[in-house]
Amino acid sequence: MATPGGDQELGSYYVGVDVGTGSVRAALVDQRGILLAFADQPINQWEPQFNHHEQSSEDIWVACCIVTKNLRETCWDKAGHFFDLPDFLSWKATGVTARSLCSLVCKWTYSAEKGWDDSFWKMVGLEDLVADNYSKIGNQVLPPGTSLGNGLTPEAAKDLGLPAGIAVAASLIDAHAGGLGVIGADVRGHGLACEGQPVTSRLAIICGTSSCHMGISKNPIFVPGVWGPYFSAMVPGFWLNEGGQSVTGKLIDHMVQGHAAFPELQAKATARCQSIYAYLNSHLDLIRKTQPVGFLTVDLHVWPDFHGNRSPLADLTLKGMVTGLKLSQDLDDLAILYLATVQAIAFGTRLIIEAMESAGHSIGTLFLCGGLGKNPLFVQMHADITGMPVVLSQEVESVLVGAAILGACASGDFASVQEAMARMSKVGKVVFPRREDKRYYDKKYQVFLKLVEHQKEYASIMKAD
């Protein structure tokens, strides 16, 4: 099973405390303003002489602590298990409380080698989770693709309309399932350098609202600004490093939809029964004249971190930058700004790859999936800017293929996840870089790096006394 991961926000809860004359009262309130739990505690009062009343500030603080703890023990001690969503679904399907190694090492603090760290939970005030060998958060941890219990329970089978006993696999986070669905494809006959090379020479890029860059290695590699290494978190037996770019797809939408020419673009795309991005791609071909499309941005450069940088700079304070704007705001300007934004995202991928290679990865081929993989301009820019061929899957829904690979492995139809990957992942199309454009993109990449360097200088100047 694959379930949402990455940049989604969890719901927030708030504690309101009211110190009255006779008691301290506290409530747990959700974002809708609904009171979920309540606790109160009397406050001591003294009357040393008639009409004189005293209370202890220390006693009031103790009462505040008691009611707050009581709240936690009320939306907390009654909980039997705490699940990440993939593991919750596995439990609903099988009744098995085992957790996937993927969820625990990538989202919690679990180590594939050492297990849970008691000191961490004590440090953050959740030492009660250590009790009973971590039964509430998981003391049976399985690699993705492992068969769970006796498969579908009769109750779950009835709900799903399937026979009881069907094998259910330990799950993956959605982006990791996408990586699993593409990275192991059989590439024979496509003229790729990665043919006959270890799977560690491949980088899976899952591109949607945000982007994830999944690279695996036989030994752990520590890459500054890139998450991991996580053992067996995606492909069993391999260490995973996970780079990422926040809100990439959302950034493209933001730049296009916020432009003055967007209503005109919508009208023309609708008239042609095209998506706005298919129309923009064809419009770029119209205005490029004799030069390649990518050369239209020779004077327009974008730094894409409008929502901070996840990898490899790991700096949430960074902002977006655009240089080279003109007064005109027609459809040509919109198309070129869209192109520059797509290029900026590809340059961000190049920066992540360089960080991974500097740390010890050796990457030669990109395997791309997700919504942005359907955009030929996005794919071609990634090939041209990284200088690497981009492999697209035969099946567009690679996350679902990855989830199915887990089920196929759990069923016993394949001896390993790696075997299932090679059989079930199919190459659909290969996009090669335009080598003749390399010098142009190398120069734009120099500008790209200057943008963030300058942004940091600006911040330093503004902070100076």
Protein backbone atom coordinates (compact mmCIF):
# COMPACT_ATOMS: atom_id res chain seq x y z
CA MET A 1 0.00 0.00 0.00
CA ALA A 2 1.14 3.56 -0.69
CA THR A 3 -0.20 6.57 1.14
CA PRO A 4 0.44 10.31 1.18
CA GLY A 5 3.71 11.53 2.62
CA GLY A 6 6.02 14.55 2.33
CA ASP A 7 4.80 18.10 2.68
CA GLN A 8 1.28 17.62 4.17
CA GLU A 9 0.47 19.41 7.47
CA LEU A 10 -1.08 17.50 10.33
CA GLY A 11 -4.04 19.01 12.22
CA SER A 12 -3.08 21.15 15.21
CA TYR A 13 -4.54 21.07 18.72
CA TYR A 14 -4.35 23.75 21.37
CA VAL A 15 -4.43 23.80 25.17
CA GLY A 16 -6.32 26.65 26.83
CA VAL A 17 -5.62 27.21 30.55
CA ASP A 18 -7.86 29.31 32.85
CA VAL A 19 -6.61 30.12 36.35
CA GLY A 20 -9.60 31.03 38.50
CA THR A 21 -9.99 31.84 42.18
CA GLY A 22 -10.72 28.30 43.27
CA SER A 23 -9.30 26.13 40.49
CA VAL A 24 -7.25 25.82 37.35
CA ARG A 25 -9.17 24.58 34.31
CA ALA A 26 -7.75 23.38 31.00
CA ALA A 27 -9.22 22.26 27.69
CA LEU A 28 -7.90 20.66 24.54
CA VAL A 29 -9.35 22.50 21.51
CA ASP A 30 -9.01 21.69 17.81
CA GLN A 31 -8.68 24.10 14.88
CA ARG A 32 -12.45 24.28 14.51
CA GLY A 33 -12.75 25.56 18.08
CA ILE A 34 -14.31 22.34 19.34
CA LEU A 35 -13.46 21.33 22.90
CA LEU A 36 -12.14 17.76 22.84
CA ALA A 37 -11.13 17.22 26.47
CA PHE A 38 -11.40 19.02 29.82
CA ALA A 39 -9.64 18.83 33.18
CA ASP A 40 -9.65 20.89 36.38
CA GLN A 41 -7.67 21.04 39.63
CA PRO A 42 -8.49 22.91 42.87
CA ILE A 43 -6.13 25.65 44.08
CA ASN A 44 -5.21 25.90 47.75
CA GLN A 45 -6.33 29.01 49.60
CA TRP A 46 -5.25 30.29 53.01
CA GLU A 47 -6.90 32.78 55.33
CA PRO A 48 -4.21 33.86 57.82
CA GLN A 49 -6.69 36.29 59.43
CA PHE A 50 -10.18 37.54 58.82
CA ASN A 51 -10.66 39.10 55.38
CA HIS A 52 -7.10 38.27 54.31
CA HIS A 53 -6.66 35.65 51.57
CA GLU A 54 -3.49 34.12 50.23
CA GLN A 55 -2.64 31.76 47.40
CA SER A 56 0.68 30.23 46.35
CA SER A 57 2.03 30.98 42.89
CA GLU A 58 3.97 27.71 43.13
CA ASP A 59 0.74 25.86 43.92
CA ILE A 60 -0.95 27.48 40.92
CA TRP A 61 1.89 26.34 38.63
CA VAL A 62 1.62 22.78 39.99
CA ALA A 63 -2.12 22.85 39.30
CA CYS A 64 -1.46 24.05 35.74
CA CYS A 65 0.92 21.13 35.24
CA ILE A 66 -1.58 18.63 36.65
CA VAL A 67 -4.47 19.71 34.41
CA THR A 68 -2.25 19.79 31.31
CA LYS A 69 -0.98 16.29 32.05
CA ASN A 70 -4.53 15.11 32.70
CA LEU A 71 -5.52 16.37 29.24
CA ARG A 72 -2.69 14.40 27.68
CA GLU A 73 -3.67 11.31 29.63
CA THR A 74 -7.33 11.82 28.44
CA CYS A 75 -6.58 12.37 23.80
CA TRP A 76 -3.14 10.09 25.07
CA ASP A 77 -3.26 7.11 27.76
CA LYS A 78 -6.39 5.66 26.18
CA ALA A 79 -4.60 5.24 22.84
CA GLY A 80 -3.69 1.65 22.14
CA HIS A 81 -1.47 2.33 19.12
CA PHE A 82 0.00 5.26 17.25
CA PHE A 83 0.23 4.59 13.51
CA ASP A 84 1.59 6.41 10.52
CA LEU A 85 -1.14 6.24 7.87
CA PRO A 86 0.43 3.42 5.77
CA ASP A 87 0.74 1.23 8.86
CA PHE A 88 -2.79 2.09 9.98
CA LEU A 89 -4.14 0.83 6.65
CA SER A 90 -2.08 -2.35 6.91
CA TRP A 91 -3.49 -2.93 10.40
CA LYS A 92 -7.06 -2.33 9.21
CA ALA A 93 -6.51 -4.85 6.42
CA THR A 94 -4.81 -7.59 8.44
CA GLY A 95 -5.18 -6.89 12.15
CA VAL A 96 -1.36 -6.98 12.37
CA THR A 97 0.28 -4.11 14.26
CA ALA A 98 3.68 -4.53 12.58
CA ARG A 99 5.13 -1.31 11.19
CA SER A 100 6.86 -0.77 7.86
CA LEU A 101 10.53 0.03 8.09
CA CYS A 102 9.91 2.74 5.47
CA SER A 103 7.57 4.79 7.67
CA LEU A 104 9.53 4.37 10.86
CA VAL A 105 12.98 5.27 9.55
CA CYS A 106 11.85 8.07 7.22
CA LYS A 107 9.27 9.75 9.44
CA TRP A 108 10.00 8.64 12.99
CA THR A 109 13.32 8.18 14.79
CA TYR A 110 13.74 4.46 14.26
CA SER A 111 17.11 3.00 13.25
CA ALA A 112 17.15 -0.15 11.14
CA GLU A 113 20.30 -1.22 12.97
CA LYS A 114 19.66 -0.11 16.56
CA GLY A 115 15.87 0.17 16.82
CA TRP A 116 14.29 2.83 19.01
CA ASP A 117 16.40 5.24 21.06
CA ASP A 118 15.10 5.42 24.65
CA SER A 119 16.97 8.65 25.37
CA PHE A 120 15.15 10.57 22.63
CA TRP A 121 11.67 9.80 23.95
CA LYS A 122 12.75 10.70 27.49
CA MET A 123 14.26 13.96 26.28
CA VAL A 124 11.00 15.07 24.62
CA GLY A 125 8.84 14.03 27.58
CA LEU A 126 7.27 10.96 25.96
CA GLU A 127 9.05 8.35 28.02
CA ASP A 128 5.77 6.47 28.50
CA LEU A 129 6.12 5.27 24.88
CA VAL A 130 9.17 3.26 25.92
CA ALA A 131 6.95 1.06 28.12
CA ASP A 132 6.12 -2.51 27.13
CA ASN A 133 8.89 -2.60 24.53
CA TYR A 134 7.42 0.27 22.51
CA SER A 135 4.18 -1.60 21.92
CA LYS A 136 2.23 1.61 21.20
CA ILE A 137 4.45 2.78 18.34
CA GLY A 138 5.75 -0.53 17.06
CA ASN A 139 8.02 -3.33 18.23
CA GLN A 140 7.65 -5.50 15.13
CA VAL A 141 9.22 -3.72 12.14
CA LEU A 142 9.24 -5.28 8.65
CA PRO A 143 10.84 -4.34 5.32
CA PRO A 144 8.43 -3.15 2.59
CA GLY A 145 6.91 -6.05 0.67
CA THR A 146 6.93 -8.48 3.61
CA SER A 147 3.69 -10.46 3.93
CA LEU A 148 1.64 -9.45 6.96
CA GLY A 149 0.03 -12.11 9.14
CA ASN A 150 -2.59 -14.24 7.40
CA GLY A 151 -3.48 -11.61 4.82
CA LEU A 152 -6.86 -9.90 4.58
CA THR A 153 -9.10 -10.54 7.55
CA PRO A 154 -12.68 -11.68 6.78
CA GLU A 155 -13.99 -8.29 7.91
CA ALA A 156 -11.56 -6.31 5.74
CA ALA A 157 -12.14 -8.67 2.82
CA LYS A 158 -15.88 -8.02 3.03
CA ASP A 159 -15.33 -4.25 3.14
CA LEU A 160 -12.97 -4.36 0.12
CA GLY A 161 -14.95 -6.90 -1.90
CA LEU A 162 -12.02 -9.32 -2.03
CA PRO A 163 -11.45 -12.90 -0.81
CA ALA A 164 -10.17 -13.31 2.73
CA GLY A 165 -6.56 -14.35 3.09
CA ILE A 166 -5.16 -12.40 0.13
CA ALA A 167 -1.57 -11.41 0.91
CA VAL A 168 -1.04 -7.86 2.19
CA ALA A 169 2.42 -6.30 2.09
CA ALA A 170 4.21 -4.06 4.55
CA SER A 171 3.71 -0.62 3.06
CA LEU A 172 5.63 2.31 1.57
CA ILE A 173 5.23 6.08 1.66
CA ASP A 174 3.79 7.25 -1.68
CA ALA A 175 6.96 8.87 -3.07
CA HIS A 176 8.96 5.80 -2.11
CA ALA A 177 6.44 3.60 -3.90
CA GLY A 178 6.94 5.78 -6.99
CA GLY A 179 10.69 5.25 -6.72
CA LEU A 180 10.20 1.51 -6.38
CA GLY A 181 7.90 1.54 -9.41
CA VAL A 182 10.50 3.06 -11.75
CA ILE A 183 14.05 2.57 -10.51
CA GLY A 184 14.37 -1.16 -11.20
CA ALA A 185 13.04 -1.24 -14.78
CA ASP A 186 14.70 -3.50 -17.35
CA VAL A 187 16.43 -1.01 -19.69
CA ARG A 188 17.91 -3.46 -22.21
CA GLY A 189 17.72 -2.28 -25.80
CA HIS A 190 17.30 1.45 -25.10
CA GLY A 191 20.90 2.54 -25.54
CA LEU A 192 21.33 3.63 -21.93
CA ALA A 193 24.63 3.71 -20.08
CA CYS A 194 22.96 2.21 -17.01
CA GLU A 195 22.32 -1.06 -18.89
CA GLY A 196 24.42 -3.67 -17.16
CA GLN A 197 25.31 -1.20 -14.41
CA PRO A 198 24.23 -1.51 -10.75
CA VAL A 199 20.83 -0.05 -9.84
CA THR A 200 22.75 2.39 -7.65
CA SER A 201 23.64 4.38 -10.80
CA ARG A 202 19.98 5.40 -11.14
CA LEU A 203 18.10 8.29 -9.53
CA ALA A 204 14.30 8.16 -9.24
CA ILE A 205 12.60 11.56 -9.31
CA ILE A 206 8.96 11.69 -8.26
CA CYS A 207 7.57 14.99 -9.50
CA GLY A 208 4.20 16.35 -8.44
CA THR A 209 3.17 19.19 -6.16
CA SER A 210 6.63 18.67 -4.66
CA SER A 211 9.56 16.59 -5.90
CA CYS A 212 11.53 13.77 -4.28
CA HIS A 213 14.91 12.50 -5.49
CA MET A 214 15.53 8.89 -4.48
CA GLY A 215 19.01 7.40 -4.77
CA ILE A 216 20.16 4.07 -3.33
CA SER A 217 23.55 2.68 -2.36
CA LYS A 218 25.02 -0.58 -1.07
CA ASN A 219 26.72 1.24 1.81
CA PRO A 220 25.47 4.22 3.81
CA ILE A 221 26.31 7.62 2.28
CA PHE A 222 25.79 10.78 4.29
CA VAL A 223 24.88 13.74 2.06
CA PRO A 224 24.62 17.19 3.67
CA GLY A 225 21.13 18.60 3.15
CA VAL A 226 19.76 15.29 1.84
CA TRP A 227 17.70 13.00 4.09
CA GLY A 228 19.02 9.59 5.06
CA PRO A 229 20.74 7.25 4.66
CA TYR A 230 17.84 4.92 5.55
CA PHE A 231 18.44 1.17 5.37
CA SER A 232 15.87 -0.87 3.40
CA ALA A 233 13.44 2.06 3.40
CA MET A 234 12.62 1.67 -0.30
CA VAL A 235 14.56 -1.24 -1.85
CA PRO A 236 15.37 -4.00 0.67
CA GLY A 237 19.09 -4.36 1.29
CA PHE A 238 19.97 -0.89 -0.02
CA TRP A 239 20.48 2.41 1.75
CA LEU A 240 18.22 5.26 0.62
CA ASN A 241 19.08 8.95 0.31
CA GLU A 242 16.14 11.26 -0.31
CA GLY A 243 16.55 14.76 -1.69
CA GLY A 244 13.62 17.02 -2.28
CA GLN A 245 12.29 20.27 -3.69
CA SER A 246 9.26 21.76 -1.98
CA VAL A 247 6.20 22.83 -4.01
CA THR A 248 7.71 22.42 -7.48
CA GLY A 249 4.46 21.74 -9.33
CA LYS A 250 2.73 24.32 -7.18
CA LEU A 251 5.40 26.89 -8.07
CA ILE A 252 4.77 26.44 -11.80
CA ASP A 253 1.03 26.92 -11.21
CA HIS A 254 1.75 29.99 -9.06
CA MET A 255 3.93 31.67 -11.70
CA VAL A 256 1.52 30.96 -14.55
CA GLN A 257 -1.78 31.67 -12.80
CA GLY A 258 -0.50 34.89 -11.21
CA HIS A 259 0.54 36.43 -14.54
CA ALA A 260 -1.51 39.20 -16.17
CA ALA A 261 -1.80 37.17 -19.39
CA PHE A 262 -3.29 34.11 -17.65
CA PRO A 263 -6.93 34.83 -18.66
CA GLU A 264 -5.83 35.07 -22.30
CA LEU A 265 -3.92 31.80 -21.94
CA GLN A 266 -6.97 30.07 -20.45
CA ALA A 267 -9.23 31.26 -23.25
CA LYS A 268 -6.86 30.18 -26.04
CA ALA A 269 -6.10 26.81 -24.45
CA THR A 270 -9.84 26.13 -24.01
CA ALA A 271 -10.54 27.09 -27.61
CA ARG A 272 -7.99 24.47 -28.74
CA CYS A 273 -9.20 21.88 -26.20
CA GLN A 274 -5.69 21.81 -24.70
CA SER A 275 -4.35 22.04 -21.19
CA ILE A 276 -2.73 25.39 -20.41
CA TYR A 277 0.69 23.71 -20.29
CA ALA A 278 0.28 21.95 -23.63
CA TYR A 279 -0.68 25.33 -25.09
CA LEU A 280 2.31 27.06 -23.47
CA ASN A 281 4.68 24.41 -24.83
CA SER A 282 3.36 24.90 -28.36
CA HIS A 283 3.48 28.69 -27.95
CA LEU A 284 7.15 28.48 -26.97
CA ASP A 285 7.81 26.55 -30.18
CA LEU A 286 6.13 29.36 -32.14
CA ILE A 287 8.23 32.17 -30.64
CA ARG A 288 11.61 30.43 -30.51
CA LYS A 289 12.43 31.19 -34.16
CA THR A 290 15.67 29.44 -35.15
CA GLN A 291 17.13 28.88 -31.68
CA PRO A 292 16.29 25.99 -29.33
CA VAL A 293 13.38 26.71 -26.96
CA GLY A 294 15.64 26.81 -23.89
CA PHE A 295 17.59 29.81 -25.27
CA LEU A 296 14.52 32.07 -24.84
CA THR A 297 15.53 32.60 -21.20
CA VAL A 298 19.00 33.99 -21.89
CA ASP A 299 18.09 37.17 -19.95
CA LEU A 300 15.52 35.72 -17.50
CA HIS A 301 16.62 33.70 -14.49
CA VAL A 302 14.65 32.20 -11.57
CA TRP A 303 15.66 30.89 -8.15
CA PRO A 304 12.77 28.53 -7.30
CA ASP A 305 12.78 28.46 -3.49
CA PHE A 306 9.58 30.44 -2.99
CA HIS A 307 8.84 28.10 -0.06
CA GLY A 308 12.39 27.64 1.26
CA ASN A 309 14.98 25.06 0.23
CA ARG A 310 14.73 21.45 1.35
CA SER A 311 17.76 19.98 -0.46
CA PRO A 312 20.64 20.36 -0.55
CA LEU A 313 20.82 23.72 1.26
CA ALA A 314 18.23 22.82 3.93
CA ASP A 315 17.39 26.49 4.44
CA LEU A 316 13.74 27.33 5.04
CA THR A 317 14.51 31.08 5.09
CA LEU A 318 15.37 31.23 1.38
CA LYS A 319 12.96 33.05 -0.91
CA GLY A 320 12.23 32.98 -4.62
CA MET A 321 14.04 35.29 -7.04
CA VAL A 322 13.37 36.45 -10.61
CA THR A 323 15.77 38.65 -12.57
CA GLY A 324 15.28 40.02 -16.07
CA LEU A 325 11.66 41.20 -15.94
CA LYS A 326 10.31 43.73 -18.47
CA LEU A 327 7.28 46.05 -18.49
CA SER A 328 5.47 43.94 -21.08
CA GLN A 329 3.10 41.27 -19.75
CA ASP A 330 1.79 39.56 -22.85
CA LEU A 331 1.46 35.85 -23.60
CA ASP A 332 5.05 35.66 -24.85
CA ASP A 333 6.29 36.97 -21.50
CA LEU A 334 4.14 34.46 -19.63
CA ALA A 335 5.44 31.58 -21.74
CA ILE A 336 9.08 32.59 -21.20
CA LEU A 337 8.56 33.04 -17.43
CA TYR A 338 7.00 29.55 -17.35
CA LEU A 339 10.02 28.18 -19.22
CA ALA A 340 12.46 29.89 -16.84
CA THR A 341 10.59 28.41 -13.84
CA VAL A 342 10.72 24.88 -15.29
CA GLN A 343 14.44 25.36 -15.96
CA ALA A 344 15.00 26.59 -12.38
CA ILE A 345 13.45 23.40 -11.00
CA ALA A 346 15.74 21.34 -13.24
CA PHE A 347 18.75 23.35 -12.05
CA GLY A 348 17.63 22.55 -8.49
CA THR A 349 17.72 18.87 -9.42
CA ARG A 350 21.23 19.33 -10.82
CA LEU A 351 22.32 20.91 -7.53
CA ILE A 352 20.92 17.94 -5.56
CA ILE A 353 22.66 15.46 -7.88
CA GLU A 354 25.98 17.28 -7.50
CA ALA A 355 25.64 17.15 -3.70
CA MET A 356 24.89 13.42 -3.82
CA GLU A 357 27.80 12.72 -6.17
CA SER A 358 30.21 14.80 -4.06
CA ALA A 359 29.30 12.58 -1.10
CA GLY A 360 29.90 9.31 -2.97
CA HIS A 361 26.90 8.52 -5.20
CA SER A 362 27.54 7.79 -8.88
CA ILE A 363 24.43 8.70 -10.89
CA GLY A 364 24.10 8.42 -14.66
CA THR A 365 20.39 8.07 -15.48
CA LEU A 366 17.21 9.73 -14.21
CA PHE A 367 13.97 7.74 -13.83
CA LEU A 368 11.11 10.22 -13.67
CA CYS A 369 7.48 9.76 -12.68
CA GLY A 370 4.58 11.80 -11.31
CA GLY A 371 2.33 14.47 -12.78
CA LEU A 372 5.15 16.67 -14.12
CA GLY A 373 6.54 13.66 -15.98
CA LYS A 374 3.62 14.08 -18.40
CA ASN A 375 4.97 17.49 -19.42
CA PRO A 376 7.50 17.01 -22.27
CA LEU A 377 9.13 20.41 -21.65
CA PHE A 378 9.75 19.55 -17.98
CA VAL A 379 11.30 16.21 -19.02
CA GLN A 380 13.49 17.68 -21.77
CA MET A 381 14.76 20.46 -19.51
CA HIS A 382 15.77 17.89 -16.89
CA ALA A 383 17.70 15.95 -19.53
CA ASP A 384 19.38 19.03 -21.01
CA ILE A 385 20.26 20.70 -17.70
CA THR A 386 21.56 17.61 -15.89
CA GLY A 387 23.18 16.17 -19.02
CA MET A 388 21.59 12.80 -18.24
CA PRO A 389 19.00 10.72 -20.11
CA VAL A 390 15.55 10.64 -18.55
CA VAL A 391 13.61 7.36 -18.51
CA LEU A 392 9.81 7.52 -18.39
CA SER A 393 7.76 4.51 -17.38
CA GLN A 394 5.38 2.73 -19.68
CA GLU A 395 2.75 3.08 -16.97
CA VAL A 396 2.18 6.70 -15.92
CA GLU A 397 0.91 5.75 -12.45
CA SER A 398 4.26 4.56 -11.12
CA VAL A 399 3.27 4.99 -7.47
CA LEU A 400 0.49 2.45 -7.98
CA VAL A 401 2.84 0.10 -9.82
CA GLY A 402 5.25 0.38 -6.88
CA ALA A 403 2.48 -0.45 -4.44
CA ALA A 404 1.47 -3.44 -6.59
CA ILE A 405 5.10 -4.64 -6.65
CA LEU A 406 4.91 -4.89 -2.86
CA GLY A 407 1.76 -6.99 -3.11
CA ALA A 408 3.32 -9.21 -5.76
CA CYS A 409 6.31 -9.82 -3.51
CA ALA A 410 4.12 -10.49 -0.44
CA SER A 411 2.08 -13.02 -2.43
CA GLY A 412 5.17 -15.11 -3.08
CA ASP A 413 4.97 -14.72 -6.88
CA PHE A 414 8.46 -13.21 -6.84
CA ALA A 415 11.41 -14.21 -4.70
CA SER A 416 12.40 -10.61 -3.94
CA VAL A 417 11.34 -7.01 -4.39
CA GLN A 418 14.24 -6.58 -6.83
CA GLU A 419 12.93 -9.41 -9.04
CA ALA A 420 9.42 -7.96 -8.98
CA MET A 421 10.79 -4.50 -9.88
CA ALA A 422 12.65 -5.84 -12.91
CA ARG A 423 9.59 -7.74 -14.17
CA MET A 424 6.85 -5.20 -13.45
CA SER A 425 8.59 -1.86 -14.21
CA LYS A 426 8.60 -1.11 -17.96
CA VAL A 427 10.43 1.59 -19.88
CA GLY A 428 8.01 3.69 -21.91
CA LYS A 429 10.18 6.43 -23.38
CA VAL A 430 13.76 7.69 -23.09
CA VAL A 431 14.57 11.38 -23.52
CA PHE A 432 18.22 12.14 -24.22
CA PRO A 433 19.92 15.47 -23.49
CA ARG A 434 20.72 17.86 -26.36
CA ARG A 435 24.50 17.84 -25.98
CA GLU A 436 24.90 20.81 -28.31
CA ASP A 437 23.13 23.03 -25.74
CA LYS A 438 25.42 22.07 -22.85
CA ARG A 439 27.50 25.26 -22.83
CA TYR A 440 24.37 27.44 -22.65
CA TYR A 441 22.97 25.54 -19.67
CA ASP A 442 26.33 25.49 -17.91
CA LYS A 443 26.35 29.29 -18.08
CA LYS A 444 22.76 29.53 -16.83
CA TYR A 445 23.69 27.20 -13.98
CA GLN A 446 26.47 29.61 -12.98
CA VAL A 447 23.86 32.39 -12.82
CA PHE A 448 21.55 30.07 -10.85
CA LEU A 449 24.21 29.59 -8.17
CA LYS A 450 24.98 33.33 -8.14
CA LEU A 451 21.33 34.07 -7.36
CA VAL A 452 21.35 32.25 -4.03
CA GLU A 453 24.82 33.57 -3.23
CA HIS A 454 23.55 37.11 -3.73
CA GLN A 455 20.38 36.46 -1.76
CA LYS A 456 22.46 35.45 1.23
CA GLU A 457 24.58 38.59 0.79
CA TYR A 458 21.44 40.75 0.77
CA ALA A 459 20.23 39.11 3.98
CA SER A 460 23.64 39.69 5.58
CA ILE A 461 23.60 43.39 4.62
CA MET A 462 20.11 43.89 6.05
CA LYS A 463 21.09 42.21 9.34
CA ALA A 464 24.22 44.34 9.77
CA ASP A 465 24.18 47.06 12.44
